[in-house]
C-alpha atoms as a PDB file:
ATOM      1  CA  MET A   1     -20.969   6.970 -49.899  1.00  0.00           C
ATOM      2  CA  ASN A   2     -21.682  10.428 -51.498  1.00  0.00           C
ATOM      3  CA  MET A   3     -22.683   8.626 -54.753  1.00  0.00           C
ATOM      4  CA  ARG A   4     -25.249   6.483 -53.200  1.00  0.00           C
ATOM      5  CA  VAL A   5     -27.195   9.513 -51.532  1.00  0.00           C
ATOM      6  CA  PRO A   6     -28.473  10.919 -54.743  1.00  0.00           C
ATOM      7  CA  ALA A   7     -29.509   7.392 -55.960  1.00  0.00           C
ATOM      8  CA  LEU A   8     -31.707   6.933 -52.868  1.00  0.00           C
ATOM      9  CA  VAL A   9     -33.139  10.415 -53.199  1.00  0.00           C
ATOM     10  CA  ALA A  10     -34.150   9.716 -56.743  1.00  0.00           C
ATOM     11  CA  LEU A  11     -35.839   6.322 -55.750  1.00  0.00           C
ATOM     12  CA  CYS A  12     -37.901   8.108 -53.065  1.00  0.00           C
ATOM     13  CA  LEU A  13     -38.944  10.631 -55.479  1.00  0.00           C
ATOM     14  CA  MET A  14     -40.242   7.775 -57.845  1.00  0.00           C
ATOM     15  CA  LEU A  15     -42.228   6.314 -55.333  1.00  0.00           C
ATOM     16  CA  VAL A  16     -43.872   9.508 -54.243  1.00  0.00           C
ATOM     17  CA  THR A  17     -44.729  10.310 -57.864  1.00  0.00           C
ATOM     18  CA  ALA A  18     -46.154   6.921 -58.559  1.00  0.00           C
ATOM     19  CA  GLY A  19     -48.430   7.070 -55.382  1.00  0.00           C
ATOM     20  CA  SER A  20     -49.503  10.549 -56.403  1.00  0.00           C
ATOM     21  CA  CYS A  21     -50.556   9.261 -59.749  1.00  0.00           C
ATOM     22  CA  LEU A  22     -52.304   6.102 -58.384  1.00  0.00           C
ATOM     23  CA  LYS A  23     -54.253   8.382 -55.988  1.00  0.00           C
ATOM     24  CA  SER A  24     -55.258  10.774 -58.664  1.00  0.00           C
ATOM     25  CA  ARG A  25     -56.579   7.709 -60.823  1.00  0.00           C
ATOM     26  CA  THR A  26     -58.620   6.107 -58.033  1.00  0.00           C
ATOM     27  CA  PRO A  27     -62.294   7.230 -58.064  1.00  0.00           C
ATOM     28  CA  SER A  28     -63.822   8.480 -54.793  1.00  0.00           C
ATOM     29  CA  ILE A  29     -66.660   6.734 -53.307  1.00  0.00           C
ATOM     30  CA  GLY A  30     -69.078   9.540 -54.469  1.00  0.00           C
ATOM     31  CA  SER A  31     -67.938   9.059 -57.996  1.00  0.00           C
ATOM     32  CA  MET A  32     -68.336   5.250 -58.104  1.00  0.00           C
ATOM     33  CA  PRO A  33     -70.964   3.903 -60.491  1.00  0.00           C
ATOM     34  CA  GLU A  34     -74.283   2.637 -58.994  1.00  0.00           C
ATOM     35  CA  ALA A  35     -74.742  -1.179 -59.048  1.00  0.00           C
ATOM     36  CA  PRO A  36     -77.409  -2.226 -61.425  1.00  0.00           C
ATOM     37  CA  ALA A  37     -80.869  -2.928 -59.776  1.00  0.00           C
ATOM     38  CA  LEU A  38     -81.780  -6.672 -59.210  1.00  0.00           C
ATOM     39  CA  THR A  39     -84.152  -7.993 -61.797  1.00  0.00           C
ATOM     40  CA  THR A  40     -85.162 -11.259 -60.145  1.00  0.00           C
ATOM     41  CA  GLY A  41     -88.270 -10.041 -58.366  1.00  0.00           C
ATOM     42  CA  ILE A  42     -91.663 -11.835 -58.758  1.00  0.00           C
ATOM     43  CA  GLU A  43     -94.193  -9.892 -60.534  1.00  0.00           C
ATOM     44  CA  ASP A  44     -97.954  -9.682 -59.235  1.00  0.00           C
ATOM     45  CA  GLU A  45     -99.011 -11.453 -62.398  1.00  0.00           C
ATOM     46  CA  GLU A  46     -96.933 -14.494 -61.591  1.00  0.00           C
ATOM     47  CA  ILE A  47     -97.875 -14.413 -57.798  1.00  0.00           C
ATOM     48  CA  TYR A  48    -101.525 -14.416 -58.371  1.00  0.00           C
ATOM     49  CA  MET A  49    -101.406 -17.081 -61.216  1.00  0.00           C
ATOM     50  CA  ALA A  50    -104.277 -19.494 -61.154  1.00  0.00           C
ATOM     51  CA  LEU A  51    -103.448 -22.714 -59.642  1.00  0.00           C
ATOM     52  CA  VAL A  52    -106.849 -24.175 -60.402  1.00  0.00           C
ATOM     53  CA  PRO A  53    -107.306 -24.088 -64.188  1.00  0.00           C
ATOM     54  CA  VAL A  54    -110.140 -21.679 -65.338  1.00  0.00           C
ATOM     55  CA  ARG A  55    -112.823 -23.767 -67.260  1.00  0.00           C
ATOM     56  CA  PRO A  56    -115.989 -23.061 -68.785  1.00  0.00           C
ATOM     57  CA  GLU A  57    -118.943 -23.348 -66.249  1.00  0.00           C
ATOM     58  CA  SER A  58    -120.744 -25.687 -68.649  1.00  0.00           C
ATOM     59  CA  ALA A  59    -117.750 -28.106 -68.734  1.00  0.00           C
ATOM     60  CA  VAL A  60    -117.602 -28.185 -64.903  1.00  0.00           C
ATOM     61  CA  ARG A  61    -121.264 -28.681 -64.439  1.00  0.00           C
ATOM     62  CA  GLU A  62    -120.975 -31.658 -67.045  1.00  0.00           C
ATOM     63  CA  ASP A  63    -118.254 -33.284 -65.040  1.00  0.00           C
ATOM     64  CA  TYR A  64    -120.281 -32.745 -61.733  1.00  0.00           C
ATOM     65  CA  GLU A  65    -123.286 -34.477 -63.455  1.00  0.00           C
ATOM     66  CA  ALA A  66    -121.093 -37.369 -64.549  1.00  0.00           C
ATOM     67  CA  ALA A  67    -119.491 -37.869 -61.259  1.00  0.00           C
ATOM     68  CA  ARG A  68    -122.937 -37.968 -59.575  1.00  0.00           C
ATOM     69  CA  ALA A  69    -124.150 -40.541 -62.165  1.00  0.00           C
ATOM     70  CA  ARG A  70    -121.128 -42.704 -61.536  1.00  0.00           C
ATOM     71  CA  GLN A  71    -121.614 -42.554 -57.836  1.00  0.00           C
ATOM     72  CA  ALA A  72    -125.262 -43.643 -58.224  1.00  0.00           C
ATOM     73  CA  ALA A  73    -124.221 -46.543 -60.673  1.00  0.00           C
ATOM     74  CA  SER A  74    -121.583 -47.703 -58.125  1.00  0.00           C
ATOM     75  CA  ASP A  75    -124.127 -47.775 -55.240  1.00  0.00           C
ATOM     76  CA  VAL A  76    -126.619 -49.871 -57.361  1.00  0.00           C
ATOM     77  CA  ARG A  77    -123.810 -52.415 -58.340  1.00  0.00           C
ATOM     78  CA  LEU A  78    -122.669 -52.446 -54.727  1.00  0.00           C
ATOM     79  CA  GLU A  79    -125.934 -53.699 -53.548  1.00  0.00           C
ATOM     80  CA  GLU A  80    -125.947 -56.529 -56.415  1.00  0.00           C
ATOM     81  CA  ALA A  81    -122.476 -57.415 -55.346  1.00  0.00           C
ATOM     82  CA  ARG A  82    -123.550 -57.786 -51.669  1.00  0.00           C
ATOM     83  CA  ALA A  83    -126.398 -60.043 -52.688  1.00  0.00           C
ATOM     84  CA  LEU A  84    -124.027 -62.290 -54.935  1.00  0.00           C
ATOM     85  CA  ALA A  85    -121.553 -62.418 -51.915  1.00  0.00           C
ATOM     86  CA  ALA A  86    -124.439 -63.706 -49.641  1.00  0.00           C
ATOM     87  CA  ARG A  87    -125.352 -66.411 -52.268  1.00  0.00           C
ATOM     88  CA  ALA A  88    -121.749 -67.514 -52.437  1.00  0.00           C
ATOM     89  CA  SER A  89    -121.537 -67.866 -48.642  1.00  0.00           C
ATOM     90  CA  ALA A  90    -124.679 -69.870 -48.601  1.00  0.00           C
ATOM     91  CA  ARG A  91    -123.338 -72.250 -51.244  1.00  0.00           C
ATOM     92  CA  ILE A  92    -120.170 -72.632 -49.416  1.00  0.00           C
ATOM     93  CA  ASP A  93    -122.228 -73.871 -46.386  1.00  0.00           C
ATOM     94  CA  LEU A  94    -124.252 -76.287 -48.502  1.00  0.00           C
ATOM     95  CA  LYS A  95    -121.042 -77.730 -50.139  1.00  0.00           C
ATOM     96  CA  LYS A  96    -119.354 -78.271 -46.693  1.00  0.00           C
ATOM     97  CA  LYS A  97    -122.513 -80.221 -45.742  1.00  0.00           C
ATOM     98  CA  ASP A  98    -122.298 -82.256 -48.871  1.00  0.00           C
ATOM     99  CA  LEU A  99    -118.661 -83.149 -48.041  1.00  0.00           C
ATOM    100  CA  GLU A 100    -119.598 -84.022 -44.441  1.00  0.00           C
ATOM    101  CA  MET A 101    -122.264 -86.461 -45.846  1.00  0.00           C
ATOM    102  CA  LEU A 102    -119.706 -87.978 -48.350  1.00  0.00           C
ATOM    103  CA  ASP A 103    -117.433 -88.558 -45.399  1.00  0.00           C
ATOM    104  CA  ILE A 104    -120.128 -90.447 -43.624  1.00  0.00           C
ATOM    105  CA  ARG A 105    -120.991 -92.611 -46.636  1.00  0.00           C
ATOM    106  CA  LEU A 106    -117.265 -93.235 -47.376  1.00  0.00           C
ATOM    107  CA  LYS A 107    -116.730 -94.417 -43.872  1.00  0.00           C
ATOM    108  CA  ASP A 108    -119.662 -96.775 -44.154  1.00  0.00           C
ATOM    109  CA  ALA A 109    -118.451 -98.129 -47.470  1.00  0.00           C
ATOM    110  CA  LYS A 110    -115.081 -98.828 -45.886  1.00  0.00           C
ATOM    111  CA  GLN A 111    -116.561-100.699 -43.119  1.00  0.00           C
ATOM    112  CA  ARG A 112    -118.540-102.748 -45.623  1.00  0.00           C
ATOM    113  CA  LYS A 113    -115.505-103.170 -47.699  1.00  0.00           C
ATOM    114  CA  ALA A 114    -117.352-102.147 -50.740  1.00  0.00           C
ATOM    115  CA  GLU A 115    -114.290-101.227 -52.770  1.00  0.00           C
ATOM    116  CA  ALA A 116    -116.169 -99.926 -55.959  1.00  0.00           C
ATOM    117  CA  GLU A 117    -118.427 -97.743 -53.899  1.00  0.00           C
ATOM    118  CA  LYS A 118    -115.474 -96.510 -51.826  1.00  0.00           C
ATOM    119  CA  GLU A 119    -113.638 -95.514 -54.993  1.00  0.00           C
ATOM    120  CA  ASP A 120    -116.499 -93.649 -56.481  1.00  0.00           C
ATOM    121  CA  LEU A 121    -117.082 -91.788 -53.019  1.00  0.00           C
ATOM    122  CA  GLU A 122    -113.518 -90.866 -52.995  1.00  0.00           C
ATOM    123  CA  ARG A 123    -113.594 -89.267 -56.397  1.00  0.00           C
ATOM    124  CA  GLN A 124    -116.822 -87.446 -55.485  1.00  0.00           C
ATOM    125  CA  LYS A 125    -115.089 -86.168 -52.258  1.00  0.00           C
ATOM    126  CA  ASP A 126    -111.925 -85.050 -54.377  1.00  0.00           C
ATOM    127  CA  GLU A 127    -114.080 -83.294 -56.815  1.00  0.00           C
ATOM    128  CA  GLY A 128    -116.161 -81.767 -53.997  1.00  0.00           C
ATOM    129  CA  LYS A 129    -113.070 -80.361 -52.468  1.00  0.00           C
ATOM    130  CA  LEU A 130    -112.190 -78.679 -55.606  1.00  0.00           C
ATOM    131  CA  GLU A 131    -115.581 -77.271 -56.075  1.00  0.00           C
ATOM    132  CA  LEU A 132    -115.581 -75.955 -52.568  1.00  0.00           C
ATOM    133  CA  SER A 133    -112.358 -74.063 -53.303  1.00  0.00           C
ATOM    134  CA  TYR A 134    -113.807 -72.944 -56.605  1.00  0.00           C
ATOM    135  CA  ILE A 135    -116.923 -71.501 -54.511  1.00  0.00           C
ATOM    136  CA  GLU A 136    -114.667 -69.994 -51.859  1.00  0.00           C
ATOM    137  CA  ARG A 137    -112.680 -68.120 -54.542  1.00  0.00           C
ATOM    138  CA  ARG A 138    -115.873 -66.907 -55.938  1.00  0.00           C
ATOM    139  CA  GLU A 139    -116.768 -65.504 -52.480  1.00  0.00           C
ATOM    140  CA  ASP A 140    -113.402 -63.767 -52.325  1.00  0.00           C
ATOM    141  CA  LEU A 141    -114.107 -62.236 -55.607  1.00  0.00           C
ATOM    142  CA  ARG A 142    -117.388 -60.986 -54.669  1.00  0.00           C
ATOM    143  CA  LYS A 143    -115.803 -59.413 -51.465  1.00  0.00           C
ATOM    144  CA  ALA A 144    -113.157 -57.777 -53.670  1.00  0.00           C
ATOM    145  CA  GLU A 145    -115.700 -56.502 -55.760  1.00  0.00           C
ATOM    146  CA  ILE A 146    -117.496 -54.915 -52.971  1.00  0.00           C
ATOM    147  CA  GLU A 147    -114.450 -53.082 -51.802  1.00  0.00           C
ATOM    148  CA  MET A 148    -113.867 -51.908 -55.395  1.00  0.00           C
ATOM    149  CA  LEU A 149    -117.387 -50.624 -55.703  1.00  0.00           C
ATOM    150  CA  ARG A 150    -117.269 -48.818 -52.511  1.00  0.00           C
ATOM    151  CA  SER A 151    -114.065 -47.114 -53.349  1.00  0.00           C
ATOM    152  CA  GLU A 152    -115.374 -46.207 -56.830  1.00  0.00           C
ATOM    153  CA  ALA A 153    -118.392 -44.723 -55.121  1.00  0.00           C
ATOM    154  CA  GLU A 154    -116.157 -42.696 -52.788  1.00  0.00           C
ATOM    155  CA  GLU A 155    -113.917 -41.426 -55.662  1.00  0.00           C
ATOM    156  CA  ALA A 156    -117.221 -40.348 -57.592  1.00  0.00           C
ATOM    157  CA  ARG A 157    -118.366 -38.404 -54.480  1.00  0.00           C
ATOM    158  CA  ALA A 158    -114.801 -36.882 -54.051  1.00  0.00           C
ATOM    159  CA  ALA A 159    -115.027 -36.015 -57.804  1.00  0.00           C
ATOM    160  CA  ALA A 160    -118.296 -34.266 -57.376  1.00  0.00           C
ATOM    161  CA  ARG A 161    -116.980 -32.305 -54.505  1.00  0.00           C
ATOM    162  CA  VAL A 162    -114.161 -30.995 -56.627  1.00  0.00           C
ATOM    163  CA  HIS A 163    -116.507 -29.814 -59.270  1.00  0.00           C
ATOM    164  CA  GLU A 164    -118.707 -28.112 -56.491  1.00  0.00           C
ATOM    165  CA  ARG A 165    -115.638 -26.210 -55.286  1.00  0.00           C
ATOM    166  CA  GLU A 166    -114.814 -25.314 -58.856  1.00  0.00           C
ATOM    167  CA  LEU A 167    -118.169 -23.715 -59.445  1.00  0.00           C
ATOM    168  CA  GLU A 168    -117.915 -21.777 -56.218  1.00  0.00           C
ATOM    169  CA  LEU A 169    -114.339 -20.735 -57.187  1.00  0.00           C
ATOM    170  CA  ALA A 170    -115.548 -19.593 -60.587  1.00  0.00           C
ATOM    171  CA  ASP A 171    -118.322 -17.368 -59.065  1.00  0.00           C
ATOM    172  CA  VAL A 172    -115.921 -15.584 -56.885  1.00  0.00           C
ATOM    173  CA  ARG A 173    -113.532 -15.036 -59.934  1.00  0.00           C
ATOM    174  CA  GLU A 174    -116.416 -13.566 -61.955  1.00  0.00           C
ATOM    175  CA  GLN A 175    -117.313 -11.193 -58.955  1.00  0.00           C
ATOM    176  CA  ARG A 176    -113.765 -10.119 -58.722  1.00  0.00           C
ATOM    177  CA  ALA A 177    -113.512  -9.501 -62.588  1.00  0.00           C
ATOM    178  CA  GLU A 178    -116.678  -7.211 -62.216  1.00  0.00           C
ATOM    179  CA  VAL A 179    -115.279  -5.149 -59.431  1.00  0.00           C
ATOM    180  CA  ILE A 180    -112.006  -4.746 -61.174  1.00  0.00           C
ATOM    181  CA  VAL A 181    -113.838  -3.134 -64.126  1.00  0.00           C
ATOM    182  CA  LYS A 182    -115.691  -0.789 -61.563  1.00  0.00           C
ATOM    183  CA  ALA A 183    -112.570   0.193 -59.765  1.00  0.00           C
ATOM    184  CA  ALA A 184    -111.491   2.522 -62.278  1.00  0.00           C
ATOM    185  CA  SER A 185    -114.552   4.716 -62.090  1.00  0.00           C
ATOM    186  CA  GLU A 186    -115.596   3.844 -58.461  1.00  0.00           C
ATOM    187  CA  PRO A 187    -112.704   4.135 -55.863  1.00  0.00           C
ATOM    188  CA  SER A 188    -114.984   3.033 -53.134  1.00  0.00           C
ATOM    189  CA  SER A 189    -114.872  -0.627 -54.627  1.00  0.00           C
ATOM    190  CA  ALA A 190    -111.262  -1.024 -53.506  1.00  0.00           C
ATOM    191  CA  GLY A 191    -112.504  -2.408 -50.137  1.00  0.00           C
ATOM    192  CA  ARG A 192    -114.730  -4.892 -52.058  1.00  0.00           C
ATOM    193  CA  LEU A 193    -111.691  -6.049 -54.033  1.00  0.00           C
ATOM    194  CA  VAL A 194    -109.681  -6.771 -51.013  1.00  0.00           C
ATOM    195  CA  ASP A 195    -112.417  -8.832 -49.598  1.00  0.00           C
ATOM    196  CA  LEU A 196    -112.974 -10.844 -52.874  1.00  0.00           C
ATOM    197  CA  ASP A 197    -109.136 -11.493 -52.990  1.00  0.00           C
ATOM    198  CA  ARG A 198    -109.341 -13.003 -49.731  1.00  0.00           C
ATOM    199  CA  LYS A 199    -112.329 -15.133 -50.656  1.00  0.00           C
ATOM    200  CA  LEU A 200    -110.596 -16.108 -53.903  1.00  0.00           C
ATOM    201  CA  ARG A 201    -107.503 -17.407 -51.900  1.00  0.00           C
ATOM    202  CA  GLU A 202    -109.769 -19.340 -49.526  1.00  0.00           C
ATOM    203  CA  HIS A 203    -111.856 -20.922 -52.245  1.00  0.00           C
ATOM    204  CA  GLU A 204    -108.768 -21.769 -54.298  1.00  0.00           C
ATOM    205  CA  MET A 205    -107.386 -23.515 -51.193  1.00  0.00           C
ATOM    206  CA  ASP A 206    -110.593 -25.564 -50.669  1.00  0.00           C
ATOM    207  CA  THR A 207    -110.544 -26.584 -54.260  1.00  0.00           C
ATOM    208  CA  LEU A 208    -107.003 -27.692 -54.123  1.00  0.00           C
ATOM    209  CA  GLN A 209    -107.572 -29.796 -51.028  1.00  0.00           C
ATOM    210  CA  ALA A 210    -110.661 -31.355 -52.699  1.00  0.00           C
ATOM    211  CA  MET A 211    -108.538 -32.149 -55.667  1.00  0.00           C
ATOM    212  CA  ARG A 212    -105.932 -33.935 -53.408  1.00  0.00           C
ATOM    213  CA  ASP A 213    -108.512 -35.804 -51.519  1.00  0.00           C
ATOM    214  CA  HIS A 214    -109.869 -36.962 -54.922  1.00  0.00           C
ATOM    215  CA  ALA A 215    -106.468 -37.999 -56.220  1.00  0.00           C
ATOM    216  CA  GLY A 216    -105.986 -40.255 -53.012  1.00  0.00           C
ATOM    217  CA  LYS A 217    -109.536 -41.674 -53.567  1.00  0.00           C
ATOM    218  CA  ARG A 218    -108.805 -42.376 -57.260  1.00  0.00           C
ATOM    219  CA  LYS A 219    -105.546 -44.192 -56.214  1.00  0.00           C
ATOM    220  CA  ASP A 220    -107.316 -46.377 -53.721  1.00  0.00           C
ATOM    221  CA  ALA A 221    -109.948 -47.272 -56.348  1.00  0.00           C
ATOM    222  CA  ALA A 222    -107.271 -48.242 -58.834  1.00  0.00           C
ATOM    223  CA  ASP A 223    -105.638 -50.473 -56.098  1.00  0.00           C
ATOM    224  CA  ARG A 224    -109.140 -52.089 -55.425  1.00  0.00           C
ATOM    225  CA  GLN A 225    -109.621 -52.800 -59.164  1.00  0.00           C
ATOM    226  CA  ARG A 226    -106.203 -54.671 -59.248  1.00  0.00           C
ATOM    227  CA  ARG A 227    -107.333 -56.658 -56.321  1.00  0.00           C
ATOM    228  CA  VAL A 228    -110.492 -57.739 -58.248  1.00  0.00           C
ATOM    229  CA  VAL A 229    -108.311 -58.877 -61.168  1.00  0.00           C
ATOM    230  CA  GLU A 230    -106.273 -60.819 -58.790  1.00  0.00           C
ATOM    231  CA  ALA A 231    -109.205 -62.591 -57.321  1.00  0.00           C
ATOM    232  CA  MET A 232    -110.504 -63.225 -60.873  1.00  0.00           C
ATOM    233  CA  LEU A 233    -107.146 -65.021 -61.591  1.00  0.00           C
ATOM    234  CA  ASP A 234    -107.711 -67.182 -58.609  1.00  0.00           C
ATOM    235  CA  VAL A 235    -111.195 -68.160 -59.842  1.00  0.00           C
ATOM    236  CA  PHE A 236    -109.783 -69.018 -63.206  1.00  0.00           C
ATOM    237  CA  GLU A 237    -107.204 -71.322 -61.541  1.00  0.00           C
ATOM    238  CA  ALA A 238    -109.682 -73.059 -59.320  1.00  0.00           C
ATOM    239  CA  ARG A 239    -111.962 -73.719 -62.151  1.00  0.00           C
ATOM    240  CA  SER A 240    -109.007 -74.956 -64.322  1.00  0.00           C
ATOM    241  CA  LYS A 241    -108.471 -77.555 -61.641  1.00  0.00           C
ATOM    242  CA  ILE A 242    -112.035 -78.798 -61.794  1.00  0.00           C
ATOM    243  CA  LEU A 243    -112.090 -79.080 -65.515  1.00  0.00           C
ATOM    244  CA  ALA A 244    -108.686 -80.900 -65.478  1.00  0.00           C
ATOM    245  CA  PHE A 245    -110.068 -83.331 -62.857  1.00  0.00           C
ATOM    246  CA  ARG A 246    -113.017 -84.034 -64.938  1.00  0.00           C
ATOM    247  CA  SER A 247    -111.300 -84.468 -68.139  1.00  0.00           C
END
């Protein structure tokens, strides 16, 4: 028992000594090194980057005039397509009347048992039906062209609005650049710069909204063009049936 006591005392002395060493090696809160500063912030240059590309004024005006010219051309072609659609509708009415007359003559030929005449009239009627289908497909094509030209005119108007907004935005950008140059020597221009920054944001938003609207109009115009091509294929098929019947 007397031999175990010195061993226990020695163990306690070792633990106390180790704790003292550990405490001496642990830095205090005041001596802890500072954490490195975060570097993920967004700089002003990135915040204020131009979302609407900066383009030469001459290029914007050229695009504006081109859009107005496309709009005018679409309006003229639209009136022409409407006239063609009216003609196609009139031809359909005439062809239907022709088929009604053929029915009357065919009925008479059957009553008279005129077989040769009946066969000839039946052939004329079959061909007349194919011709009627062809004219109706032509009318469908004219209607599709009208919708396409209307959408193209709307797309051109939307494009012109985009370029108008671009010109307005460019004017504000130019004013802001001039004020920034003066700001170094004229501290009173700081208020003017704040006002121009607000206008810049407003004009940029207006331009972006106009661009979004134009993108929608352009998509619609492309869809209308596809429908015109589909109508053309229907006309081609109807025409092929007439040619096959006559061959």
